[in-house]
Amino acid sequence: MRRESVLAGVAISPALSIEAISPLVQWADYLLVMLIEPGTSAQSSRPELIAKLRAMRLQWPDIAIIADGGIDTSNIVDVISAGADRVVVGGALFKPTPDVGYEPLLDALGCRNAAL
């Protein structure tokens, strides 16, 4: 895949242990860490999954980590502090509309005058 300039990632559901993905990390360009159960919406992320994200960052400091699921103004800073290089924000941005959801996220990050 890398020969074709395609990045390879490993998606990690909340139930999957760090030990289970460990053999795969050597072939991955990034880890997609799900902070809620995939396929559901309107869930809050769970604190133990932010701790799992932190443990992954400590174990694999050089791999990109993307966090997805339940990220909003109440936890986006914690998710980034735990080690996420990128975050996927859905409901917090689009409900009710992006023009309403965008500014509170910028405020939470302390970057209202910056473009994301």
PDB file of N, CA and C in Angstrom:
ATOM      1  N   MET A   1       0.819  -1.190   0.000  1.00  0.00           N
ATOM      2  CA  MET A   1       0.000   0.000   0.000  1.00  0.00           C
ATOM      3  C   MET A   1       0.864   1.256   0.000  1.00  0.00           C
ATOM      4  N   ARG A   2       1.924   1.237   0.770  1.00  0.00           N
ATOM      5  CA  ARG A   2       2.770   2.429   0.828  1.00  0.00           C
ATOM      6  C   ARG A   2       3.376   2.741  -0.529  1.00  0.00           C
ATOM      7  N   ARG A   3       3.619   1.712  -1.307  1.00  0.00           N
ATOM      8  CA  ARG A   3       4.173   1.919  -2.638  1.00  0.00           C
ATOM      9  C   ARG A   3       3.214   2.744  -3.491  1.00  0.00           C
ATOM     10  N   GLU A   4       1.935   2.645  -3.212  1.00  0.00           N
ATOM     11  CA  GLU A   4       0.909   3.380  -3.949  1.00  0.00           C
ATOM     12  C   GLU A   4       0.524   4.681  -3.246  1.00  0.00           C
ATOM     13  N   SER A   5       1.300   5.084  -2.267  1.00  0.00           N
ATOM     14  CA  SER A   5       1.045   6.307  -1.490  1.00  0.00           C
ATOM     15  C   SER A   5      -0.271   6.261  -0.728  1.00  0.00           C
ATOM     16  N   VAL A   6      -0.668   5.078  -0.311  1.00  0.00           N
ATOM     17  CA  VAL A   6      -1.869   4.905   0.501  1.00  0.00           C
ATOM     18  C   VAL A   6      -1.418   4.589   1.921  1.00  0.00           C
ATOM     19  N   LEU A   7      -1.969   5.297   2.888  1.00  0.00           N
ATOM     20  CA  LEU A   7      -1.624   5.044   4.279  1.00  0.00           C
ATOM     21  C   LEU A   7      -2.447   3.883   4.821  1.00  0.00           C
ATOM     22  N   ALA A   8      -1.838   3.107   5.690  1.00  0.00           N
ATOM     23  CA  ALA A   8      -2.520   1.981   6.319  1.00  0.00           C
ATOM     24  C   ALA A   8      -2.778   2.315   7.780  1.00  0.00           C
ATOM     25  N   GLY A   9      -4.010   2.123   8.212  1.00  0.00           N
ATOM     26  CA  GLY A   9      -4.355   2.385   9.597  1.00  0.00           C
ATOM     27  C   GLY A   9      -4.977   1.177  10.253  1.00  0.00           C
ATOM     28  N   VAL A  10      -4.961   1.180  11.565  1.00  0.00           N
ATOM     29  CA  VAL A  10      -5.606   0.134  12.350  1.00  0.00           C
ATOM     30  C   VAL A  10      -6.683   0.810  13.189  1.00  0.00           C
ATOM     31  N   ALA A  11      -7.943   0.408  12.995  1.00  0.00           N
ATOM     32  CA  ALA A  11      -9.049   0.930  13.794  1.00  0.00           C
ATOM     33  C   ALA A  11      -9.171   0.097  15.060  1.00  0.00           C
ATOM     34  N   ILE A  12      -9.313   0.777  16.177  1.00  0.00           N
ATOM     35  CA  ILE A  12      -9.318   0.105  17.474  1.00  0.00           C
ATOM     36  C   ILE A  12     -10.636   0.410  18.176  1.00  0.00           C
ATOM     37  N   SER A  13     -11.479  -0.600  18.279  1.00  0.00           N
ATOM     38  CA  SER A  13     -12.759  -0.428  18.963  1.00  0.00           C
ATOM     39  C   SER A  13     -12.514  -0.365  20.469  1.00  0.00           C
ATOM     40  N   PRO A  14     -13.470   0.144  21.228  1.00  0.00           N
ATOM     41  CA  PRO A  14     -13.282   0.250  22.673  1.00  0.00           C
ATOM     42  C   PRO A  14     -12.947  -1.077  23.355  1.00  0.00           C
ATOM     43  N   ALA A  15     -13.478  -2.175  22.855  1.00  0.00           N
ATOM     44  CA  ALA A  15     -13.257  -3.467  23.498  1.00  0.00           C
ATOM     45  C   ALA A  15     -11.903  -4.090  23.170  1.00  0.00           C
ATOM     46  N   LEU A  16     -11.244  -3.624  22.135  1.00  0.00           N
ATOM     47  CA  LEU A  16      -9.980  -4.221  21.700  1.00  0.00           C
ATOM     48  C   LEU A  16      -8.847  -3.762  22.611  1.00  0.00           C
ATOM     49  N   SER A  17      -8.073  -4.712  23.091  1.00  0.00           N
ATOM     50  CA  SER A  17      -6.989  -4.384  24.017  1.00  0.00           C
ATOM     51  C   SER A  17      -5.742  -3.914  23.271  1.00  0.00           C
ATOM     52  N   ILE A  18      -4.907  -3.203  23.982  1.00  0.00           N
ATOM     53  CA  ILE A  18      -3.626  -2.769  23.422  1.00  0.00           C
ATOM     54  C   ILE A  18      -2.800  -3.989  23.022  1.00  0.00           C
ATOM     55  N   GLU A  19      -2.845  -5.022  23.818  1.00  0.00           N
ATOM     56  CA  GLU A  19      -2.091  -6.239  23.519  1.00  0.00           C
ATOM     57  C   GLU A  19      -2.542  -6.865  22.201  1.00  0.00           C
ATOM     58  N   ALA A  20      -3.828  -6.799  21.918  1.00  0.00           N
ATOM     59  CA  ALA A  20      -4.358  -7.405  20.692  1.00  0.00           C
ATOM     60  C   ALA A  20      -3.877  -6.683  19.442  1.00  0.00           C
ATOM     61  N   ILE A  21      -3.689  -5.383  19.523  1.00  0.00           N
ATOM     62  CA  ILE A  21      -3.260  -4.651  18.326  1.00  0.00           C
ATOM     63  C   ILE A  21      -1.750  -4.542  18.209  1.00  0.00           C
ATOM     64  N   SER A  22      -1.045  -4.835  19.265  1.00  0.00           N
ATOM     65  CA  SER A  22       0.408  -4.653  19.291  1.00  0.00           C
ATOM     66  C   SER A  22       1.135  -5.266  18.099  1.00  0.00           C
ATOM     67  N   PRO A  23       0.801  -6.491  17.668  1.00  0.00           N
ATOM     68  CA  PRO A  23       1.517  -7.065  16.522  1.00  0.00           C
ATOM     69  C   PRO A  23       1.254  -6.338  15.201  1.00  0.00           C
ATOM     70  N   LEU A  24       0.173  -5.586  15.117  1.00  0.00           N
ATOM     71  CA  LEU A  24      -0.193  -4.912  13.869  1.00  0.00           C
ATOM     72  C   LEU A  24       0.427  -3.529  13.715  1.00  0.00           C
ATOM     73  N   VAL A  25       0.825  -2.933  14.813  1.00  0.00           N
ATOM     74  CA  VAL A  25       1.264  -1.541  14.798  1.00  0.00           C
ATOM     75  C   VAL A  25       2.473  -1.328  13.894  1.00  0.00           C
ATOM     76  N   GLN A  26       3.349  -2.312  13.809  1.00  0.00           N
ATOM     77  CA  GLN A  26       4.554  -2.152  12.984  1.00  0.00           C
ATOM     78  C   GLN A  26       4.230  -1.903  11.515  1.00  0.00           C
ATOM     79  N   TRP A  27       3.057  -2.303  11.052  1.00  0.00           N
ATOM     80  CA  TRP A  27       2.673  -2.109   9.651  1.00  0.00           C
ATOM     81  C   TRP A  27       1.729  -0.921   9.455  1.00  0.00           C
ATOM     82  N   ALA A  28       1.391  -0.259  10.531  1.00  0.00           N
ATOM     83  CA  ALA A  28       0.405   0.827  10.449  1.00  0.00           C
ATOM     84  C   ALA A  28       1.081   2.192  10.359  1.00  0.00           C
ATOM     85  N   ASP A  29       0.463   3.063   9.591  1.00  0.00           N
ATOM     86  CA  ASP A  29       0.892   4.458   9.539  1.00  0.00           C
ATOM     87  C   ASP A  29       0.181   5.279  10.609  1.00  0.00           C
ATOM     88  N   TYR A  30      -0.985   4.804  11.032  1.00  0.00           N
ATOM     89  CA  TYR A  30      -1.727   5.509  12.074  1.00  0.00           C
ATOM     90  C   TYR A  30      -2.654   4.543  12.790  1.00  0.00           C
ATOM     91  N   LEU A  31      -3.084   4.945  13.981  1.00  0.00           N
ATOM     92  CA  LEU A  31      -4.074   4.212  14.757  1.00  0.00           C
ATOM     93  C   LEU A  31      -5.321   5.084  14.857  1.00  0.00           C
ATOM     94  N   LEU A  32      -6.471   4.508  14.571  1.00  0.00           N
ATOM     95  CA  LEU A  32      -7.752   5.193  14.727  1.00  0.00           C
ATOM     96  C   LEU A  32      -8.399   4.635  15.989  1.00  0.00           C
ATOM     97  N   VAL A  33      -8.378   5.414  17.045  1.00  0.00           N
ATOM     98  CA  VAL A  33      -8.873   4.973  18.344  1.00  0.00           C
ATOM     99  C   VAL A  33     -10.316   5.436  18.506  1.00  0.00           C
ATOM    100  N   MET A  34     -11.220   4.476  18.596  1.00  0.00           N
ATOM    101  CA  MET A  34     -12.637   4.775  18.774  1.00  0.00           C
ATOM    102  C   MET A  34     -12.917   4.976  20.265  1.00  0.00           C
ATOM    103  N   LEU A  35     -13.489   6.120  20.608  1.00  0.00           N
ATOM    104  CA  LEU A  35     -13.812   6.433  21.996  1.00  0.00           C
ATOM    105  C   LEU A  35     -15.260   6.116  22.343  1.00  0.00           C
ATOM    106  N   ILE A  36     -16.015   5.623  21.369  1.00  0.00           N
ATOM    107  CA  ILE A  36     -17.370   5.111  21.574  1.00  0.00           C
ATOM    108  C   ILE A  36     -17.496   3.853  20.724  1.00  0.00           C
ATOM    109  N   GLU A  37     -18.555   3.100  20.935  1.00  0.00           N
ATOM    110  CA  GLU A  37     -18.781   1.914  20.116  1.00  0.00           C
ATOM    111  C   GLU A  37     -19.076   2.340  18.679  1.00  0.00           C
ATOM    112  N   PRO A  38     -18.393   1.760  17.711  1.00  0.00           N
ATOM    113  CA  PRO A  38     -18.633   2.116  16.306  1.00  0.00           C
ATOM    114  C   PRO A  38     -20.086   1.855  15.904  1.00  0.00           C
ATOM    115  N   GLY A  39     -20.584   2.712  15.031  1.00  0.00           N
ATOM    116  CA  GLY A  39     -21.930   2.537  14.502  1.00  0.00           C
ATOM    117  C   GLY A  39     -23.021   3.172  15.334  1.00  0.00           C
ATOM    118  N   THR A  40     -22.646   3.844  16.385  1.00  0.00           N
ATOM    119  CA  THR A  40     -23.636   4.500  17.227  1.00  0.00           C
ATOM    120  C   THR A  40     -23.290   5.980  17.318  1.00  0.00           C
ATOM    121  N   SER A  41     -24.270   6.762  17.662  1.00  0.00           N
ATOM    122  CA  SER A  41     -24.012   8.192  17.827  1.00  0.00           C
ATOM    123  C   SER A  41     -24.632   8.654  19.132  1.00  0.00           C
ATOM    124  N   ALA A  42     -24.395   9.898  19.458  1.00  0.00           N
ATOM    125  CA  ALA A  42     -24.936  10.521  20.672  1.00  0.00           C
ATOM    126  C   ALA A  42     -24.463   9.817  21.936  1.00  0.00           C
ATOM    127  N   GLN A  43     -23.262   9.247  21.892  1.00  0.00           N
ATOM    128  CA  GLN A  43     -22.658   8.670  23.083  1.00  0.00           C
ATOM    129  C   GLN A  43     -21.596   9.625  23.590  1.00  0.00           C
ATOM    130  N   SER A  44     -21.357   9.583  24.872  1.00  0.00           N
ATOM    131  CA  SER A  44     -20.232  10.316  25.435  1.00  0.00           C
ATOM    132  C   SER A  44     -19.029   9.389  25.441  1.00  0.00           C
ATOM    133  N   SER A  45     -17.855   9.973  25.256  1.00  0.00           N
ATOM    134  CA  SER A  45     -16.654   9.148  25.355  1.00  0.00           C
ATOM    135  C   SER A  45     -16.479   8.731  26.811  1.00  0.00           C
ATOM    136  N   ARG A  46     -15.793   7.641  27.006  1.00  0.00           N
ATOM    137  CA  ARG A  46     -15.612   7.097  28.343  1.00  0.00           C
ATOM    138  C   ARG A  46     -14.205   7.418  28.841  1.00  0.00           C
ATOM    139  N   PRO A  47     -14.073   7.868  30.089  1.00  0.00           N
ATOM    140  CA  PRO A  47     -12.757   8.242  30.618  1.00  0.00           C
ATOM    141  C   PRO A  47     -11.716   7.128  30.513  1.00  0.00           C
ATOM    142  N   GLU A  48     -12.136   5.885  30.677  1.00  0.00           N
ATOM    143  CA  GLU A  48     -11.165   4.787  30.592  1.00  0.00           C
ATOM    144  C   GLU A  48     -10.586   4.646  29.186  1.00  0.00           C
ATOM    145  N   LEU A  49     -11.328   5.104  28.184  1.00  0.00           N
ATOM    146  CA  LEU A  49     -10.811   5.034  26.816  1.00  0.00           C
ATOM    147  C   LEU A  49      -9.821   6.161  26.542  1.00  0.00           C
ATOM    148  N   ILE A  50      -9.982   7.281  27.233  1.00  0.00           N
ATOM    149  CA  ILE A  50      -8.973   8.337  27.137  1.00  0.00           C
ATOM    150  C   ILE A  50      -7.690   7.854  27.810  1.00  0.00           C
ATOM    151  N   ALA A  51      -7.813   7.110  28.902  1.00  0.00           N
ATOM    152  CA  ALA A  51      -6.637   6.514  29.549  1.00  0.00           C
ATOM    153  C   ALA A  51      -5.970   5.498  28.620  1.00  0.00           C
ATOM    154  N   LYS A  52      -6.766   4.741  27.889  1.00  0.00           N
ATOM    155  CA  LYS A  52      -6.227   3.784  26.914  1.00  0.00           C
ATOM    156  C   LYS A  52      -5.479   4.520  25.808  1.00  0.00           C
ATOM    157  N   LEU A  53      -6.029   5.626  25.352  1.00  0.00           N
ATOM    158  CA  LEU A  53      -5.361   6.458  24.355  1.00  0.00           C
ATOM    159  C   LEU A  53      -4.012   6.935  24.885  1.00  0.00           C
ATOM    160  N   ARG A  54      -3.970   7.371  26.125  1.00  0.00           N
ATOM    161  CA  ARG A  54      -2.722   7.822  26.747  1.00  0.00           C
ATOM    162  C   ARG A  54      -1.700   6.678  26.787  1.00  0.00           C
ATOM    163  N   ALA A  55      -2.146   5.486  27.129  1.00  0.00           N
ATOM    164  CA  ALA A  55      -1.243   4.329  27.174  1.00  0.00           C
ATOM    165  C   ALA A  55      -0.699   3.996  25.788  1.00  0.00           C
ATOM    166  N   MET A  56      -1.533   4.127  24.763  1.00  0.00           N
ATOM    167  CA  MET A  56      -1.072   3.889  23.392  1.00  0.00           C
ATOM    168  C   MET A  56      -0.010   4.905  22.995  1.00  0.00           C
ATOM    169  N   ARG A  57      -0.222   6.162  23.359  1.00  0.00           N
ATOM    170  CA  ARG A  57       0.758   7.200  23.026  1.00  0.00           C
ATOM    171  C   ARG A  57       2.098   6.901  23.699  1.00  0.00           C
ATOM    172  N   LEU A  58       2.056   6.445  24.941  1.00  0.00           N
ATOM    173  CA  LEU A  58       3.294   6.102  25.641  1.00  0.00           C
ATOM    174  C   LEU A  58       3.983   4.907  24.999  1.00  0.00           C
ATOM    175  N   GLN A  59       3.197   3.922  24.594  1.00  0.00           N
ATOM    176  CA  GLN A  59       3.773   2.716  23.999  1.00  0.00           C
ATOM    177  C   GLN A  59       4.286   2.961  22.585  1.00  0.00           C
ATOM    178  N   TRP A  60       3.595   3.797  21.818  1.00  0.00           N
ATOM    179  CA  TRP A  60       3.968   4.055  20.424  1.00  0.00           C
ATOM    180  C   TRP A  60       4.071   5.563  20.191  1.00  0.00           C
ATOM    181  N   PRO A  61       5.142   6.180  20.648  1.00  0.00           N
ATOM    182  CA  PRO A  61       5.249   7.641  20.563  1.00  0.00           C
ATOM    183  C   PRO A  61       5.387   8.192  19.149  1.00  0.00           C
ATOM    184  N   ASP A  62       5.774   7.350  18.199  1.00  0.00           N
ATOM    185  CA  ASP A  62       6.065   7.856  16.856  1.00  0.00           C
ATOM    186  C   ASP A  62       4.972   7.608  15.825  1.00  0.00           C
ATOM    187  N   ILE A  63       3.887   6.981  16.214  1.00  0.00           N
ATOM    188  CA  ILE A  63       2.821   6.710  15.249  1.00  0.00           C
ATOM    189  C   ILE A  63       1.702   7.748  15.411  1.00  0.00           C
ATOM    190  N   ALA A  64       1.095   8.119  14.316  1.00  0.00           N
ATOM    191  CA  ALA A  64      -0.025   9.059  14.372  1.00  0.00           C
ATOM    192  C   ALA A  64      -1.231   8.383  15.021  1.00  0.00           C
ATOM    193  N   ILE A  65      -1.879   9.111  15.906  1.00  0.00           N
ATOM    194  CA  ILE A  65      -3.080   8.603  16.567  1.00  0.00           C
ATOM    195  C   ILE A  65      -4.230   9.562  16.287  1.00  0.00           C
ATOM    196  N   ILE A  66      -5.308   8.995  15.763  1.00  0.00           N
ATOM    197  CA  ILE A  66      -6.525   9.742  15.473  1.00  0.00           C
ATOM    198  C   ILE A  66      -7.597   9.240  16.435  1.00  0.00           C
ATOM    199  N   ALA A  67      -8.264  10.142  17.127  1.00  0.00           N
ATOM    200  CA  ALA A  67      -9.337   9.769  18.050  1.00  0.00           C
ATOM    201  C   ALA A  67     -10.678  10.129  17.423  1.00  0.00           C
ATOM    202  N   ASP A  68     -11.651   9.241  17.594  1.00  0.00           N
ATOM    203  CA  ASP A  68     -12.963   9.432  16.978  1.00  0.00           C
ATOM    204  C   ASP A  68     -14.042   8.943  17.927  1.00  0.00           C
ATOM    205  N   GLY A  69     -15.107   9.732  18.044  1.00  0.00           N
ATOM    206  CA  GLY A  69     -16.278   9.280  18.776  1.00  0.00           C
ATOM    207  C   GLY A  69     -16.498   9.999  20.092  1.00  0.00           C
ATOM    208  N   GLY A  70     -17.614  10.693  20.194  1.00  0.00           N
ATOM    209  CA  GLY A  70     -17.984  11.331  21.449  1.00  0.00           C
ATOM    210  C   GLY A  70     -17.132  12.532  21.815  1.00  0.00           C
ATOM    211  N   ILE A  71     -16.403  13.072  20.861  1.00  0.00           N
ATOM    212  CA  ILE A  71     -15.534  14.211  21.153  1.00  0.00           C
ATOM    213  C   ILE A  71     -16.342  15.498  21.037  1.00  0.00           C
ATOM    214  N   ASP A  72     -16.283  16.284  22.098  1.00  0.00           N
ATOM    215  CA  ASP A  72     -17.015  17.548  22.130  1.00  0.00           C
ATOM    216  C   ASP A  72     -16.244  18.554  22.979  1.00  0.00           C
ATOM    217  N   THR A  73     -16.877  19.662  23.294  1.00  0.00           N
ATOM    218  CA  THR A  73     -16.186  20.718  24.042  1.00  0.00           C
ATOM    219  C   THR A  73     -15.765  20.277  25.438  1.00  0.00           C
ATOM    220  N   SER A  74     -16.442  19.287  25.996  1.00  0.00           N
ATOM    221  CA  SER A  74     -16.126  18.853  27.360  1.00  0.00           C
ATOM    222  C   SER A  74     -14.881  17.982  27.445  1.00  0.00           C
ATOM    223  N   ASN A  75     -14.446  17.409  26.319  1.00  0.00           N
ATOM    224  CA  ASN A  75     -13.325  16.470  26.408  1.00  0.00           C
ATOM    225  C   ASN A  75     -12.256  16.630  25.326  1.00  0.00           C
ATOM    226  N   ILE A  76     -12.427  17.540  24.387  1.00  0.00           N
ATOM    227  CA  ILE A  76     -11.484  17.635  23.276  1.00  0.00           C
ATOM    228  C   ILE A  76     -10.063  17.935  23.764  1.00  0.00           C
ATOM    229  N   VAL A  77      -9.933  18.780  24.771  1.00  0.00           N
ATOM    230  CA  VAL A  77      -8.604  19.093  25.298  1.00  0.00           C
ATOM    231  C   VAL A  77      -7.994  17.862  25.964  1.00  0.00           C
ATOM    232  N   ASP A  78      -8.794  17.101  26.716  1.00  0.00           N
ATOM    233  CA  ASP A  78      -8.296  15.879  27.355  1.00  0.00           C
ATOM    234  C   ASP A  78      -7.846  14.851  26.324  1.00  0.00           C
ATOM    235  N   VAL A  79      -8.601  14.722  25.242  1.00  0.00           N
ATOM    236  CA  VAL A  79      -8.262  13.761  24.187  1.00  0.00           C
ATOM    237  C   VAL A  79      -6.929  14.138  23.538  1.00  0.00           C
ATOM    238  N   ILE A  80      -6.749  15.408  23.253  1.00  0.00           N
ATOM    239  CA  ILE A  80      -5.492  15.858  22.652  1.00  0.00           C
ATOM    240  C   ILE A  80      -4.347  15.718  23.656  1.00  0.00           C
ATOM    241  N   SER A  81      -4.594  16.071  24.907  1.00  0.00           N
ATOM    242  CA  SER A  81      -3.559  15.939  25.940  1.00  0.00           C
ATOM    243  C   SER A  81      -3.155  14.488  26.160  1.00  0.00           C
ATOM    244  N   ALA A  82      -4.090  13.574  25.955  1.00  0.00           N
ATOM    245  CA  ALA A  82      -3.800  12.149  26.121  1.00  0.00           C
ATOM    246  C   ALA A  82      -2.929  11.602  24.999  1.00  0.00           C
ATOM    247  N   GLY A  83      -2.843  12.339  23.881  1.00  0.00           N
ATOM    248  CA  GLY A  83      -1.946  11.885  22.829  1.00  0.00           C
ATOM    249  C   GLY A  83      -2.495  11.855  21.430  1.00  0.00           C
ATOM    250  N   ALA A  84      -3.731  12.271  21.234  1.00  0.00           N
ATOM    251  CA  ALA A  84      -4.276  12.271  19.872  1.00  0.00           C
ATOM    252  C   ALA A  84      -3.607  13.360  19.042  1.00  0.00           C
ATOM    253  N   ASP A  85      -3.158  12.980  17.854  1.00  0.00           N
ATOM    254  CA  ASP A  85      -2.600  13.945  16.908  1.00  0.00           C
ATOM    255  C   ASP A  85      -3.709  14.628  16.121  1.00  0.00           C
ATOM    256  N   ARG A  86      -4.802  13.892  15.945  1.00  0.00           N
ATOM    257  CA  ARG A  86      -5.951  14.394  15.194  1.00  0.00           C
ATOM    258  C   ARG A  86      -7.211  13.911  15.901  1.00  0.00           C
ATOM    259  N   VAL A  87      -8.284  14.677  15.750  1.00  0.00           N
ATOM    260  CA  VAL A  87      -9.569  14.266  16.308  1.00  0.00           C
ATOM    261  C   VAL A  87     -10.629  14.348  15.225  1.00  0.00           C
ATOM    262  N   VAL A  88     -11.591  13.457  15.321  1.00  0.00           N
ATOM    263  CA  VAL A  88     -12.742  13.467  14.424  1.00  0.00           C
ATOM    264  C   VAL A  88     -13.926  13.935  15.259  1.00  0.00           C
ATOM    265  N   VAL A  89     -14.533  15.029  14.839  1.00  0.00           N
ATOM    266  CA  VAL A  89     -15.657  15.599  15.576  1.00  0.00           C
ATOM    267  C   VAL A  89     -16.881  15.533  14.677  1.00  0.00           C
ATOM    268  N   GLY A  90     -17.920  14.876  15.153  1.00  0.00           N
ATOM    269  CA  GLY A  90     -19.146  14.754  14.367  1.00  0.00           C
ATOM    270  C   GLY A  90     -20.268  15.552  14.985  1.00  0.00           C
ATOM    271  N   GLY A  91     -20.955  14.943  15.936  1.00  0.00           N
ATOM    272  CA  GLY A  91     -22.139  15.550  16.529  1.00  0.00           C
ATOM    273  C   GLY A  91     -21.896  16.922  17.120  1.00  0.00           C
ATOM    274  N   ALA A  92     -20.767  17.120  17.773  1.00  0.00           N
ATOM    275  CA  ALA A  92     -20.486  18.419  18.399  1.00  0.00           C
ATOM    276  C   ALA A  92     -20.350  19.522  17.367  1.00  0.00           C
ATOM    277  N   LEU A  93     -19.985  19.158  16.165  1.00  0.00           N
ATOM    278  CA  LEU A  93     -19.833  20.152  15.107  1.00  0.00           C
ATOM    279  C   LEU A  93     -21.127  20.347  14.320  1.00  0.00           C
ATOM    280  N   PHE A  94     -21.824  19.255  14.037  1.00  0.00           N
ATOM    281  CA  PHE A  94     -22.964  19.322  13.123  1.00  0.00           C
ATOM    282  C   PHE A  94     -24.320  19.475  13.787  1.00  0.00           C
ATOM    283  N   LYS A  95     -24.379  19.391  15.109  1.00  0.00           N
ATOM    284  CA  LYS A  95     -25.664  19.558  15.789  1.00  0.00           C
ATOM    285  C   LYS A  95     -25.612  20.822  16.611  1.00  0.00           C
ATOM    286  N   PRO A  96     -26.409  21.799  16.373  1.00  0.00           N
ATOM    287  CA  PRO A  96     -27.460  21.782  15.371  1.00  0.00           C
ATOM    288  C   PRO A  96     -26.939  22.022  13.955  1.00  0.00           C
ATOM    289  N   THR A  97     -25.957  22.899  13.790  1.00  0.00           N
ATOM    290  CA  THR A  97     -25.383  23.162  12.469  1.00  0.00           C
ATOM    291  C   THR A  97     -23.905  23.502  12.644  1.00  0.00           C
ATOM    292  N   PRO A  98     -23.082  23.307  11.604  1.00  0.00           N
ATOM    293  CA  PRO A  98     -21.653  23.610  11.733  1.00  0.00           C
ATOM    294  C   PRO A  98     -21.357  25.049  12.152  1.00  0.00           C
ATOM    295  N   ASP A  99     -22.127  26.001  11.670  1.00  0.00           N
ATOM    296  CA  ASP A  99     -21.836  27.390  12.037  1.00  0.00           C
ATOM    297  C   ASP A  99     -22.090  27.654  13.517  1.00  0.00           C
ATOM    298  N   VAL A 100     -22.936  26.847  14.153  1.00  0.00           N
ATOM    299  CA  VAL A 100     -23.190  26.971  15.586  1.00  0.00           C
ATOM    300  C   VAL A 100     -22.194  26.120  16.379  1.00  0.00           C
ATOM    301  N   GLY A 101     -21.856  24.943  15.890  1.00  0.00           N
ATOM    302  CA  GLY A 101     -20.982  24.024  16.610  1.00  0.00           C
ATOM    303  C   GLY A 101     -19.506  24.362  16.558  1.00  0.00           C
ATOM    304  N   TYR A 102     -19.096  25.081  15.547  1.00  0.00           N
ATOM    305  CA  TYR A 102     -17.684  25.371  15.297  1.00  0.00           C
ATOM    306  C   TYR A 102     -17.050  26.251  16.377  1.00  0.00           C
ATOM    307  N   GLU A 103     -17.698  27.350  16.719  1.00  0.00           N
ATOM    308  CA  GLU A 103     -17.102  28.306  17.649  1.00  0.00           C
ATOM    309  C   GLU A 103     -16.903  27.752  19.058  1.00  0.00           C
ATOM    310  N   PRO A 104     -17.835  26.995  19.639  1.00  0.00           N
ATOM    311  CA  PRO A 104     -17.563  26.417  20.958  1.00  0.00           C
ATOM    312  C   PRO A 104     -16.351  25.476  20.958  1.00  0.00           C
ATOM    313  N   LEU A 105     -16.144  24.744  19.864  1.00  0.00           N
ATOM    314  CA  LEU A 105     -14.959  23.887  19.780  1.00  0.00           C
ATOM    315  C   LEU A 105     -13.694  24.731  19.756  1.00  0.00           C
ATOM    316  N   LEU A 106     -13.710  25.816  18.997  1.00  0.00           N
ATOM    317  CA  LEU A 106     -12.556  26.723  18.973  1.00  0.00           C
ATOM    318  C   LEU A 106     -12.308  27.309  20.359  1.00  0.00           C
ATOM    319  N   ASP A 107     -13.382  27.681  21.048  1.00  0.00           N
ATOM    320  CA  ASP A 107     -13.235  28.218  22.404  1.00  0.00           C
ATOM    321  C   ASP A 107     -12.615  27.180  23.332  1.00  0.00           C
ATOM    322  N   ALA A 108     -13.073  25.939  23.248  1.00  0.00           N
ATOM    323  CA  ALA A 108     -12.541  24.877  24.100  1.00  0.00           C
ATOM    324  C   ALA A 108     -11.052  24.671  23.861  1.00  0.00           C
ATOM    325  N   LEU A 109     -10.636  24.857  22.620  1.00  0.00           N
ATOM    326  CA  LEU A 109      -9.224  24.693  22.268  1.00  0.00           C
ATOM    327  C   LEU A 109      -8.414  25.963  22.499  1.00  0.00           C
ATOM    328  N   GLY A 110      -9.102  27.048  22.826  1.00  0.00           N
ATOM    329  CA  GLY A 110      -8.412  28.310  23.042  1.00  0.00           C
ATOM    330  C   GLY A 110      -7.885  28.936  21.773  1.00  0.00           C
ATOM    331  N   CYS A 111      -8.578  28.688  20.672  1.00  0.00           N
ATOM    332  CA  CYS A 111      -8.086  29.212  19.388  1.00  0.00           C
ATOM    333  C   CYS A 111      -9.212  29.795  18.549  1.00  0.00           C
ATOM    334  N   ARG A 112     -10.053  30.592  19.158  1.00  0.00           N
ATOM    335  CA  ARG A 112     -11.190  31.154  18.427  1.00  0.00           C
ATOM    336  C   ARG A 112     -10.756  31.942  17.201  1.00  0.00           C
ATOM    337  N   ASN A 113      -9.652  32.633  17.256  1.00  0.00           N
ATOM    338  CA  ASN A 113      -9.228  33.469  16.135  1.00  0.00           C
ATOM    339  C   ASN A 113      -8.360  32.723  15.129  1.00  0.00           C
ATOM    340  N   ALA A 114      -8.289  31.417  15.251  1.00  0.00           N
ATOM    341  CA  ALA A 114      -7.482  30.622  14.322  1.00  0.00           C
ATOM    342  C   ALA A 114      -8.393  29.710  13.517  1.00  0.00           C
ATOM    343  N   ALA A 115      -7.943  29.354  12.354  1.00  0.00           N
ATOM    344  CA  ALA A 115      -8.682  28.392  11.527  1.00  0.00           C
ATOM    345  C   ALA A 115      -8.166  26.999  11.825  1.00  0.00           C
ATOM    346  N   LEU A 116      -9.066  26.041  11.905  1.00  0.00           N
ATOM    347  CA  LEU A 116      -8.653  24.647  12.123  1.00  0.00           C
ATOM    348  C   LEU A 116      -8.310  24.003  10.817  1.00  0.00           C
TER     349      LEU A 116
END
